[in-house]
Amino acid sequence: RGLLAGTNIGGLGTLIASMASLISFRLYARSEGAKAGRYFA
């Protein structure tokens, strides 16, 4: 129970906490006019 809750909640936080978050960042970063620094903040 603790591990299930913790790893799902742990997908929030840093950019690498969930691989899905990295996917979003890569897709955005490749778009025209992307501001990677502002996105990261």
PDB file of all heavy atoms in Angstrom:
ATOM      1  N   ARG A   1       0.834  -1.201   0.000  1.00  0.00           N
ATOM      2  CA  ARG A   1       0.000   0.000   0.000  1.00  0.00           C
ATOM      3  C   ARG A   1       0.872   1.256   0.000  1.00  0.00           C
ATOM      4  O   ARG A   1       0.634   2.190  -0.779  1.00  0.00           O
ATOM      5  CB  ARG A   1      -0.931   0.006   1.211  1.00  0.00           C
ATOM      6  CG  ARG A   1      -1.930  -1.146   1.219  1.00  0.00           C
ATOM      7  CD  ARG A   1      -2.799  -1.176   2.473  1.00  0.00           C
ATOM      8  NE  ARG A   1      -3.877  -0.193   2.415  1.00  0.00           N
ATOM      9  CZ  ARG A   1      -3.980   0.847   3.196  1.00  0.00           C
ATOM     10  NH1 ARG A   1      -3.051   1.091   4.118  1.00  0.00           N
ATOM     11  NH2 ARG A   1      -4.996   1.677   3.095  1.00  0.00           N
ATOM     12  N   GLY A   2       1.880   1.288   0.872  1.00  0.00           N
ATOM     13  CA  GLY A   2       2.767   2.440   0.922  1.00  0.00           C
ATOM     14  C   GLY A   2       3.574   2.592  -0.352  1.00  0.00           C
ATOM     15  O   GLY A   2       3.776   3.700  -0.856  1.00  0.00           O
ATOM     16  N   LEU A   3       4.032   1.462  -0.891  1.00  0.00           N
ATOM     17  CA  LEU A   3       4.840   1.496  -2.105  1.00  0.00           C
ATOM     18  C   LEU A   3       3.998   1.904  -3.310  1.00  0.00           C
ATOM     19  O   LEU A   3       4.452   2.686  -4.161  1.00  0.00           O
ATOM     20  CB  LEU A   3       5.465   0.119  -2.336  1.00  0.00           C
ATOM     21  CG  LEU A   3       6.608   0.037  -3.342  1.00  0.00           C
ATOM     22  CD1 LEU A   3       7.740   0.971  -2.953  1.00  0.00           C
ATOM     23  CD2 LEU A   3       7.116  -1.407  -3.436  1.00  0.00           C
ATOM     24  N   LEU A   4       2.787   1.407  -3.391  1.00  0.00           N
ATOM     25  CA  LEU A   4       1.890   1.763  -4.492  1.00  0.00           C
ATOM     26  C   LEU A   4       1.569   3.254  -4.465  1.00  0.00           C
ATOM     27  O   LEU A   4       1.642   3.949  -5.495  1.00  0.00           O
ATOM     28  CB  LEU A   4       0.603   0.937  -4.388  1.00  0.00           C
ATOM     29  CG  LEU A   4      -0.497   1.219  -5.410  1.00  0.00           C
ATOM     30  CD1 LEU A   4      -0.021   0.915  -6.817  1.00  0.00           C
ATOM     31  CD2 LEU A   4      -1.755   0.407  -5.078  1.00  0.00           C
ATOM     32  N   ALA A   5       1.208   3.762  -3.294  1.00  0.00           N
ATOM     33  CA  ALA A   5       0.890   5.188  -3.174  1.00  0.00           C
ATOM     34  C   ALA A   5       2.120   6.044  -3.425  1.00  0.00           C
ATOM     35  O   ALA A   5       2.060   7.048  -4.149  1.00  0.00           O
ATOM     36  CB  ALA A   5       0.315   5.482  -1.789  1.00  0.00           C
ATOM     37  N   GLY A   6       3.261   5.643  -2.851  1.00  0.00           N
ATOM     38  CA  GLY A   6       4.469   6.452  -2.955  1.00  0.00           C
ATOM     39  C   GLY A   6       5.009   6.569  -4.361  1.00  0.00           C
ATOM     40  O   GLY A   6       5.425   7.648  -4.789  1.00  0.00           O
ATOM     41  N   THR A   7       5.003   5.474  -5.116  1.00  0.00           N
ATOM     42  CA  THR A   7       5.556   5.533  -6.476  1.00  0.00           C
ATOM     43  C   THR A   7       4.623   6.273  -7.431  1.00  0.00           C
ATOM     44  O   THR A   7       5.090   6.900  -8.391  1.00  0.00           O
ATOM     45  CB  THR A   7       5.846   4.124  -7.016  1.00  0.00           C
ATOM     46  OG1 THR A   7       4.687   3.292  -6.866  1.00  0.00           O
ATOM     47  CG2 THR A   7       7.012   3.495  -6.288  1.00  0.00           C
ATOM     48  N   ASN A   8       3.311   6.224  -7.174  1.00  0.00           N
ATOM     49  CA  ASN A   8       2.401   7.009  -8.019  1.00  0.00           C
ATOM     50  C   ASN A   8       2.496   8.493  -7.703  1.00  0.00           C
ATOM     51  O   ASN A   8       2.555   9.330  -8.604  1.00  0.00           O
ATOM     52  CB  ASN A   8       0.969   6.504  -7.845  1.00  0.00           C
ATOM     53  CG  ASN A   8       0.662   5.312  -8.723  1.00  0.00           C
ATOM     54  OD1 ASN A   8       0.557   5.426  -9.932  1.00  0.00           O
ATOM     55  ND2 ASN A   8       0.543   4.142  -8.117  1.00  0.00           N
ATOM     56  N   ILE A   9       2.520   8.822  -6.419  1.00  0.00           N
ATOM     57  CA  ILE A   9       2.696  10.227  -6.033  1.00  0.00           C
ATOM     58  C   ILE A   9       4.071  10.716  -6.456  1.00  0.00           C
ATOM     59  O   ILE A   9       4.244  11.863  -6.870  1.00  0.00           O
ATOM     60  CB  ILE A   9       2.513  10.375  -4.508  1.00  0.00           C
ATOM     61  CG1 ILE A   9       1.063  10.092  -4.126  1.00  0.00           C
ATOM     62  CG2 ILE A   9       2.915  11.777  -4.039  1.00  0.00           C
ATOM     63  CD1 ILE A   9       0.829   9.996  -2.626  1.00  0.00           C
ATOM     64  N   GLY A  10       5.070   9.828  -6.387  1.00  0.00           N
ATOM     65  CA  GLY A  10       6.437  10.192  -6.741  1.00  0.00           C
ATOM     66  C   GLY A  10       6.644  10.520  -8.205  1.00  0.00           C
ATOM     67  O   GLY A  10       7.692  11.015  -8.594  1.00  0.00           O
ATOM     68  N   GLY A  11       5.634  10.264  -9.056  1.00  0.00           N
ATOM     69  CA  GLY A  11       5.728  10.681 -10.451  1.00  0.00           C
ATOM     70  C   GLY A  11       5.672  12.189 -10.612  1.00  0.00           C
ATOM     71  O   GLY A  11       6.019  12.728 -11.665  1.00  0.00           O
ATOM     72  N   LEU A  12       5.212  12.884  -9.561  1.00  0.00           N
ATOM     73  CA  LEU A  12       5.258  14.347  -9.530  1.00  0.00           C
ATOM     74  C   LEU A  12       6.622  14.784  -9.017  1.00  0.00           C
ATOM     75  O   LEU A  12       7.353  13.996  -8.439  1.00  0.00           O
ATOM     76  CB  LEU A  12       4.152  14.877  -8.621  1.00  0.00           C
ATOM     77  CG  LEU A  12       2.724  14.475  -8.968  1.00  0.00           C
ATOM     78  CD1 LEU A  12       1.780  14.830  -7.821  1.00  0.00           C
ATOM     79  CD2 LEU A  12       2.274  15.135 -10.260  1.00  0.00           C
ATOM     80  N   GLY A  13       6.941  16.066  -9.191  1.00  0.00           N
ATOM     81  CA  GLY A  13       8.204  16.576  -8.656  1.00  0.00           C
ATOM     82  C   GLY A  13       9.180  16.912  -9.765  1.00  0.00           C
ATOM     83  O   GLY A  13       8.910  17.780 -10.602  1.00  0.00           O
ATOM     84  N   THR A  14      10.305  16.221  -9.801  1.00  0.00           N
ATOM     85  CA  THR A  14      11.340  16.533 -10.771  1.00  0.00           C
ATOM     86  C   THR A  14      10.936  16.098 -12.180  1.00  0.00           C
ATOM     87  O   THR A  14      10.017  15.299 -12.370  1.00  0.00           O
ATOM     88  CB  THR A  14      12.666  15.841 -10.412  1.00  0.00           C
ATOM     89  OG1 THR A  14      12.492  14.417 -10.520  1.00  0.00           O
ATOM     90  CG2 THR A  14      13.097  16.203  -9.004  1.00  0.00           C
ATOM     91  N   LEU A  15      11.673  16.581 -13.152  1.00  0.00           N
ATOM     92  CA  LEU A  15      11.394  16.260 -14.547  1.00  0.00           C
ATOM     93  C   LEU A  15      11.617  14.783 -14.841  1.00  0.00           C
ATOM     94  O   LEU A  15      11.006  14.230 -15.757  1.00  0.00           O
ATOM     95  CB  LEU A  15      12.273  17.112 -15.464  1.00  0.00           C
ATOM     96  CG  LEU A  15      11.906  17.160 -16.947  1.00  0.00           C
ATOM     97  CD1 LEU A  15      10.504  17.710 -17.146  1.00  0.00           C
ATOM     98  CD2 LEU A  15      12.914  18.005 -17.714  1.00  0.00           C
ATOM     99  N   ILE A  16      12.493  14.130 -14.063  1.00  0.00           N
ATOM    100  CA  ILE A  16      12.782  12.722 -14.318  1.00  0.00           C
ATOM    101  C   ILE A  16      12.016  11.785 -13.384  1.00  0.00           C
ATOM    102  O   ILE A  16      12.210  10.580 -13.419  1.00  0.00           O
ATOM    103  CB  ILE A  16      14.297  12.427 -14.190  1.00  0.00           C
ATOM    104  CG1 ILE A  16      14.782  12.696 -12.761  1.00  0.00           C
ATOM    105  CG2 ILE A  16      15.088  13.217 -15.194  1.00  0.00           C
ATOM    106  CD1 ILE A  16      16.211  12.247 -12.516  1.00  0.00           C
ATOM    107  N   ALA A  17      11.136  12.327 -12.549  1.00  0.00           N
ATOM    108  CA  ALA A  17      10.378  11.484 -11.622  1.00  0.00           C
ATOM    109  C   ALA A  17       9.452  10.531 -12.371  1.00  0.00           C
ATOM    110  O   ALA A  17       9.137   9.451 -11.893  1.00  0.00           O
ATOM    111  CB  ALA A  17       9.572  12.344 -10.661  1.00  0.00           C
ATOM    112  N   SER A  18       9.016  10.924 -13.558  1.00  0.00           N
ATOM    113  CA  SER A  18       8.193  10.077 -14.419  1.00  0.00           C
ATOM    114  C   SER A  18       8.710  10.221 -15.845  1.00  0.00           C
ATOM    115  O   SER A  18       8.944  11.334 -16.321  1.00  0.00           O
ATOM    116  CB  SER A  18       6.719  10.497 -14.349  1.00  0.00           C
ATOM    117  OG  SER A  18       5.975   9.880 -15.370  1.00  0.00           O
ATOM    118  N   MET A  19       8.873   9.099 -16.536  1.00  0.00           N
ATOM    119  CA  MET A  19       9.317   9.148 -17.922  1.00  0.00           C
ATOM    120  C   MET A  19       8.311   9.879 -18.801  1.00  0.00           C
ATOM    121  O   MET A  19       8.668  10.482 -19.815  1.00  0.00           O
ATOM    122  CB  MET A  19       9.540   7.730 -18.450  1.00  0.00           C
ATOM    123  CG  MET A  19      10.721   7.003 -17.839  1.00  0.00           C
ATOM    124  SD  MET A  19      12.321   7.818 -18.166  1.00  0.00           S
ATOM    125  CE  MET A  19      12.638   8.606 -16.581  1.00  0.00           C
ATOM    126  N   ALA A  20       7.046   9.854 -18.416  1.00  0.00           N
ATOM    127  CA  ALA A  20       6.022  10.569 -19.172  1.00  0.00           C
ATOM    128  C   ALA A  20       6.296  12.079 -19.168  1.00  0.00           C
ATOM    129  O   ALA A  20       6.043  12.767 -20.159  1.00  0.00           O
ATOM    130  CB  ALA A  20       4.638  10.286 -18.594  1.00  0.00           C
ATOM    131  N   SER A  21       6.821  12.585 -18.069  1.00  0.00           N
ATOM    132  CA  SER A  21       7.139  14.014 -17.981  1.00  0.00           C
ATOM    133  C   SER A  21       8.249  14.386 -18.958  1.00  0.00           C
ATOM    134  O   SER A  21       8.242  15.470 -19.552  1.00  0.00           O
ATOM    135  CB  SER A  21       7.561  14.373 -16.550  1.00  0.00           C
ATOM    136  OG  SER A  21       6.516  14.128 -15.648  1.00  0.00           O
ATOM    137  N   LEU A  22       9.199  13.502 -19.134  1.00  0.00           N
ATOM    138  CA  LEU A  22      10.269  13.741 -20.102  1.00  0.00           C
ATOM    139  C   LEU A  22       9.726  13.762 -21.525  1.00  0.00           C
ATOM    140  O   LEU A  22      10.191  14.530 -22.367  1.00  0.00           O
ATOM    141  CB  LEU A  22      11.350  12.666 -19.973  1.00  0.00           C
ATOM    142  CG  LEU A  22      12.325  12.825 -18.808  1.00  0.00           C
ATOM    143  CD1 LEU A  22      13.265  11.618 -18.753  1.00  0.00           C
ATOM    144  CD2 LEU A  22      13.134  14.110 -18.927  1.00  0.00           C
ATOM    145  N   ILE A  23       8.741  12.922 -21.790  1.00  0.00           N
ATOM    146  CA  ILE A  23       8.125  12.899 -23.117  1.00  0.00           C
ATOM    147  C   ILE A  23       7.489  14.245 -23.421  1.00  0.00           C
ATOM    148  O   ILE A  23       7.669  14.815 -24.503  1.00  0.00           O
ATOM    149  CB  ILE A  23       7.086  11.764 -23.199  1.00  0.00           C
ATOM    150  CG1 ILE A  23       7.785  10.407 -23.199  1.00  0.00           C
ATOM    151  CG2 ILE A  23       6.207  11.917 -24.442  1.00  0.00           C
ATOM    152  CD1 ILE A  23       6.844   9.227 -23.126  1.00  0.00           C
ATOM    153  N   SER A  24       6.739  14.779 -22.465  1.00  0.00           N
ATOM    154  CA  SER A  24       6.109  16.093 -22.649  1.00  0.00           C
ATOM    155  C   SER A  24       7.151  17.173 -22.905  1.00  0.00           C
ATOM    156  O   SER A  24       6.991  18.021 -23.789  1.00  0.00           O
ATOM    157  CB  SER A  24       5.285  16.469 -21.415  1.00  0.00           C
ATOM    158  OG  SER A  24       4.161  15.665 -21.291  1.00  0.00           O
ATOM    159  N   PHE A  25       8.214  17.137 -22.111  1.00  0.00           N
ATOM    160  CA  PHE A  25       9.258  18.156 -22.257  1.00  0.00           C
ATOM    161  C   PHE A  25       9.902  18.081 -23.631  1.00  0.00           C
ATOM    162  O   PHE A  25      10.120  19.111 -24.287  1.00  0.00           O
ATOM    163  CB  PHE A  25      10.309  17.980 -21.165  1.00  0.00           C
ATOM    164  CG  PHE A  25      11.481  18.915 -21.317  1.00  0.00           C
ATOM    165  CD1 PHE A  25      11.336  20.273 -21.062  1.00  0.00           C
ATOM    166  CD2 PHE A  25      12.715  18.450 -21.725  1.00  0.00           C
ATOM    167  CE1 PHE A  25      12.402  21.145 -21.210  1.00  0.00           C
ATOM    168  CE2 PHE A  25      13.794  19.304 -21.878  1.00  0.00           C
ATOM    169  CZ  PHE A  25      13.632  20.660 -21.622  1.00  0.00           C
ATOM    170  N   ARG A  26      10.206  16.885 -24.102  1.00  0.00           N
ATOM    171  CA  ARG A  26      10.830  16.731 -25.415  1.00  0.00           C
ATOM    172  C   ARG A  26       9.917  17.223 -26.524  1.00  0.00           C
ATOM    173  O   ARG A  26      10.353  17.893 -27.465  1.00  0.00           O
ATOM    174  CB  ARG A  26      11.200  15.268 -25.647  1.00  0.00           C
ATOM    175  CG  ARG A  26      12.380  14.788 -24.811  1.00  0.00           C
ATOM    176  CD  ARG A  26      12.559  13.290 -24.951  1.00  0.00           C
ATOM    177  NE  ARG A  26      13.675  12.796 -24.159  1.00  0.00           N
ATOM    178  CZ  ARG A  26      13.938  11.517 -23.965  1.00  0.00           C
ATOM    179  NH1 ARG A  26      13.149  10.593 -24.502  1.00  0.00           N
ATOM    180  NH2 ARG A  26      14.973  11.143 -23.230  1.00  0.00           N
ATOM    181  N   LEU A  27       8.633  16.889 -26.429  1.00  0.00           N
ATOM    182  CA  LEU A  27       7.685  17.335 -27.445  1.00  0.00           C
ATOM    183  C   LEU A  27       7.566  18.858 -27.457  1.00  0.00           C
ATOM    184  O   LEU A  27       7.526  19.482 -28.530  1.00  0.00           O
ATOM    185  CB  LEU A  27       6.308  16.701 -27.187  1.00  0.00           C
ATOM    186  CG  LEU A  27       6.209  15.190 -27.424  1.00  0.00           C
ATOM    187  CD1 LEU A  27       4.862  14.668 -26.916  1.00  0.00           C
ATOM    188  CD2 LEU A  27       6.383  14.858 -28.898  1.00  0.00           C
ATOM    189  N   TYR A  28       7.514  19.454 -26.270  1.00  0.00           N
ATOM    190  CA  TYR A  28       7.423  20.913 -26.208  1.00  0.00           C
ATOM    191  C   TYR A  28       8.715  21.557 -26.701  1.00  0.00           C
ATOM    192  O   TYR A  28       8.676  22.525 -27.474  1.00  0.00           O
ATOM    193  CB  TYR A  28       7.138  21.378 -24.785  1.00  0.00           C
ATOM    194  CG  TYR A  28       7.332  22.868 -24.635  1.00  0.00           C
ATOM    195  CD1 TYR A  28       6.377  23.760 -25.101  1.00  0.00           C
ATOM    196  CD2 TYR A  28       8.508  23.392 -24.079  1.00  0.00           C
ATOM    197  CE1 TYR A  28       6.566  25.140 -25.017  1.00  0.00           C
ATOM    198  CE2 TYR A  28       8.712  24.763 -23.991  1.00  0.00           C
ATOM    199  CZ  TYR A  28       7.739  25.632 -24.461  1.00  0.00           C
ATOM    200  OH  TYR A  28       7.948  26.990 -24.385  1.00  0.00           O
ATOM    201  N   ALA A  29       9.861  21.036 -26.265  1.00  0.00           N
ATOM    202  CA  ALA A  29      11.151  21.641 -26.599  1.00  0.00           C
ATOM    203  C   ALA A  29      11.415  21.664 -28.102  1.00  0.00           C
ATOM    204  O   ALA A  29      12.160  22.516 -28.598  1.00  0.00           O
ATOM    205  CB  ALA A  29      12.280  20.899 -25.882  1.00  0.00           C
ATOM    206  N   ARG A  30      10.808  20.737 -28.837  1.00  0.00           N
ATOM    207  CA  ARG A  30      11.001  20.678 -30.286  1.00  0.00           C
ATOM    208  C   ARG A  30      10.043  21.585 -31.041  1.00  0.00           C
ATOM    209  O   ARG A  30      10.140  21.709 -32.263  1.00  0.00           O
ATOM    210  CB  ARG A  30      10.812  19.234 -30.774  1.00  0.00           C
ATOM    211  CG  ARG A  30      11.894  18.283 -30.274  1.00  0.00           C
ATOM    212  CD  ARG A  30      11.539  16.845 -30.619  1.00  0.00           C
ATOM    213  NE  ARG A  30      12.506  15.910 -30.053  1.00  0.00           N
ATOM    214  CZ  ARG A  30      12.322  14.595 -30.008  1.00  0.00           C
ATOM    215  NH1 ARG A  30      11.207  14.066 -30.493  1.00  0.00           N
ATOM    216  NH2 ARG A  30      13.242  13.814 -29.498  1.00  0.00           N
ATOM    217  N   SER A  31       9.112  22.208 -30.342  1.00  0.00           N
ATOM    218  CA  SER A  31       8.124  23.059 -31.004  1.00  0.00           C
ATOM    219  C   SER A  31       8.722  24.424 -31.329  1.00  0.00           C
ATOM    220  O   SER A  31       9.708  24.864 -30.727  1.00  0.00           O
ATOM    221  CB  SER A  31       6.889  23.235 -30.115  1.00  0.00           C
ATOM    222  OG  SER A  31       7.211  23.942 -28.930  1.00  0.00           O
ATOM    223  N   GLU A  32       8.110  25.103 -32.289  1.00  0.00           N
ATOM    224  CA  GLU A  32       8.597  26.410 -32.720  1.00  0.00           C
ATOM    225  C   GLU A  32       8.446  27.443 -31.600  1.00  0.00           C
ATOM    226  O   GLU A  32       7.399  27.559 -30.980  1.00  0.00           O
ATOM    227  CB  GLU A  32       7.808  26.864 -33.953  1.00  0.00           C
ATOM    228  CG  GLU A  32       8.296  28.172 -34.542  1.00  0.00           C
ATOM    229  CD  GLU A  32       7.524  28.564 -35.790  1.00  0.00           C
ATOM    230  OE1 GLU A  32       6.683  27.752 -36.233  1.00  0.00           O
ATOM    231  OE2 GLU A  32       7.757  29.668 -36.304  1.00  0.00           O
ATOM    232  N   GLY A  33       9.533  28.180 -31.335  1.00  0.00           N
ATOM    233  CA  GLY A  33       9.512  29.233 -30.324  1.00  0.00           C
ATOM    234  C   GLY A  33       9.553  28.746 -28.893  1.00  0.00           C
ATOM    235  O   GLY A  33       9.269  29.508 -27.964  1.00  0.00           O
ATOM    236  N   ALA A  34       9.896  27.477 -28.695  1.00  0.00           N
ATOM    237  CA  ALA A  34       9.898  26.895 -27.346  1.00  0.00           C
ATOM    238  C   ALA A  34      10.856  27.630 -26.414  1.00  0.00           C
ATOM    239  O   ALA A  34      11.952  28.020 -26.800  1.00  0.00           O
ATOM    240  CB  ALA A  34      10.288  25.426 -27.424  1.00  0.00           C
ATOM    241  N   LYS A  35      10.439  27.822 -25.158  1.00  0.00           N
ATOM    242  CA  LYS A  35      11.253  28.432 -24.111  1.00  0.00           C
ATOM    243  C   LYS A  35      11.487  27.377 -23.031  1.00  0.00           C
ATOM    244  O   LYS A  35      10.732  27.265 -22.053  1.00  0.00           O
ATOM    245  CB  LYS A  35      10.529  29.643 -23.510  1.00  0.00           C
ATOM    246  CG  LYS A  35      10.127  30.697 -24.526  1.00  0.00           C
ATOM    247  CD  LYS A  35      11.332  31.440 -25.086  1.00  0.00           C
ATOM    248  CE  LYS A  35      10.883  32.568 -26.003  1.00  0.00           C
ATOM    249  NZ  LYS A  35      12.039  33.290 -26.610  1.00  0.00           N
ATOM    250  N   ALA A  36      12.531  26.578 -23.227  1.00  0.00           N
ATOM    251  CA  ALA A  36      12.773  25.442 -22.343  1.00  0.00           C
ATOM    252  C   ALA A  36      12.971  25.858 -20.893  1.00  0.00           C
ATOM    253  O   ALA A  36      12.506  25.186 -19.971  1.00  0.00           O
ATOM    254  CB  ALA A  36      13.991  24.658 -22.835  1.00  0.00           C
ATOM    255  N   GLY A  37      13.664  26.972 -20.680  1.00  0.00           N
ATOM    256  CA  GLY A  37      13.907  27.446 -19.320  1.00  0.00           C
ATOM    257  C   GLY A  37      12.613  27.824 -18.610  1.00  0.00           C
ATOM    258  O   GLY A  37      12.407  27.479 -17.441  1.00  0.00           O
ATOM    259  N   ARG A  38      11.741  28.532 -19.311  1.00  0.00           N
ATOM    260  CA  ARG A  38      10.456  28.918 -18.727  1.00  0.00           C
ATOM    261  C   ARG A  38       9.593  27.684 -18.457  1.00  0.00           C
ATOM    262  O   ARG A  38       8.881  27.617 -17.442  1.00  0.00           O
ATOM    263  CB  ARG A  38       9.725  29.884 -19.662  1.00  0.00           C
ATOM    264  CG  ARG A  38      10.345  31.283 -19.722  1.00  0.00           C
ATOM    265  CD  ARG A  38       9.671  32.158 -20.739  1.00  0.00           C
ATOM    266  NE  ARG A  38       8.234  32.343 -20.451  1.00  0.00           N
ATOM    267  CZ  ARG A  38       7.425  33.061 -21.222  1.00  0.00           C
ATOM    268  NH1 ARG A  38       7.908  33.670 -22.308  1.00  0.00           N
ATOM    269  NH2 ARG A  38       6.156  33.186 -20.908  1.00  0.00           N
ATOM    270  N   TYR A  39       9.649  26.730 -19.365  1.00  0.00           N
ATOM    271  CA  TYR A  39       8.888  25.491 -19.168  1.00  0.00           C
ATOM    272  C   TYR A  39       9.375  24.763 -17.916  1.00  0.00           C
ATOM    273  O   TYR A  39       8.566  24.328 -17.092  1.00  0.00           O
ATOM    274  CB  TYR A  39       9.030  24.582 -20.384  1.00  0.00           C
ATOM    275  CG  TYR A  39       8.275  23.274 -20.245  1.00  0.00           C
ATOM    276  CD1 TYR A  39       6.988  23.144 -20.746  1.00  0.00           C
ATOM    277  CD2 TYR A  39       8.832  22.176 -19.595  1.00  0.00           C
ATOM    278  CE1 TYR A  39       6.273  21.963 -20.605  1.00  0.00           C
ATOM    279  CE2 TYR A  39       8.137  20.991 -19.438  1.00  0.00           C
ATOM    280  CZ  TYR A  39       6.852  20.889 -19.955  1.00  0.00           C
ATOM    281  OH  TYR A  39       6.161  19.711 -19.796  1.00  0.00           O
ATOM    282  N   PHE A  40      10.702  24.648 -17.785  1.00  0.00           N
ATOM    283  CA  PHE A  40      11.267  23.937 -16.637  1.00  0.00           C
ATOM    284  C   PHE A  40      10.864  24.617 -15.328  1.00  0.00           C
ATOM    285  O   PHE A  40      10.530  23.941 -14.347  1.00  0.00           O
ATOM    286  CB  PHE A  40      12.786  23.883 -16.757  1.00  0.00           C
ATOM    287  CG  PHE A  40      13.455  23.173 -15.611  1.00  0.00           C
ATOM    288  CD1 PHE A  40      13.446  21.794 -15.528  1.00  0.00           C
ATOM    289  CD2 PHE A  40      14.093  23.895 -14.604  1.00  0.00           C
ATOM    290  CE1 PHE A  40      14.048  21.138 -14.465  1.00  0.00           C
ATOM    291  CE2 PHE A  40      14.692  23.245 -13.542  1.00  0.00           C
ATOM    292  CZ  PHE A  40      14.674  21.854 -13.472  1.00  0.00           C
ATOM    293  N   ALA A  41      10.893  25.948 -15.302  1.00  0.00           N
ATOM    294  CA  ALA A  41      10.527  26.681 -14.084  1.00  0.00           C
ATOM    295  C   ALA A  41       9.053  26.451 -13.735  1.00  0.00           C
ATOM    296  O   ALA A  41       8.714  26.174 -12.578  1.00  0.00           O
ATOM    297  CB  ALA A  41      10.801  28.171 -14.272  1.00  0.00           C
TER     298      ALA A  41
END
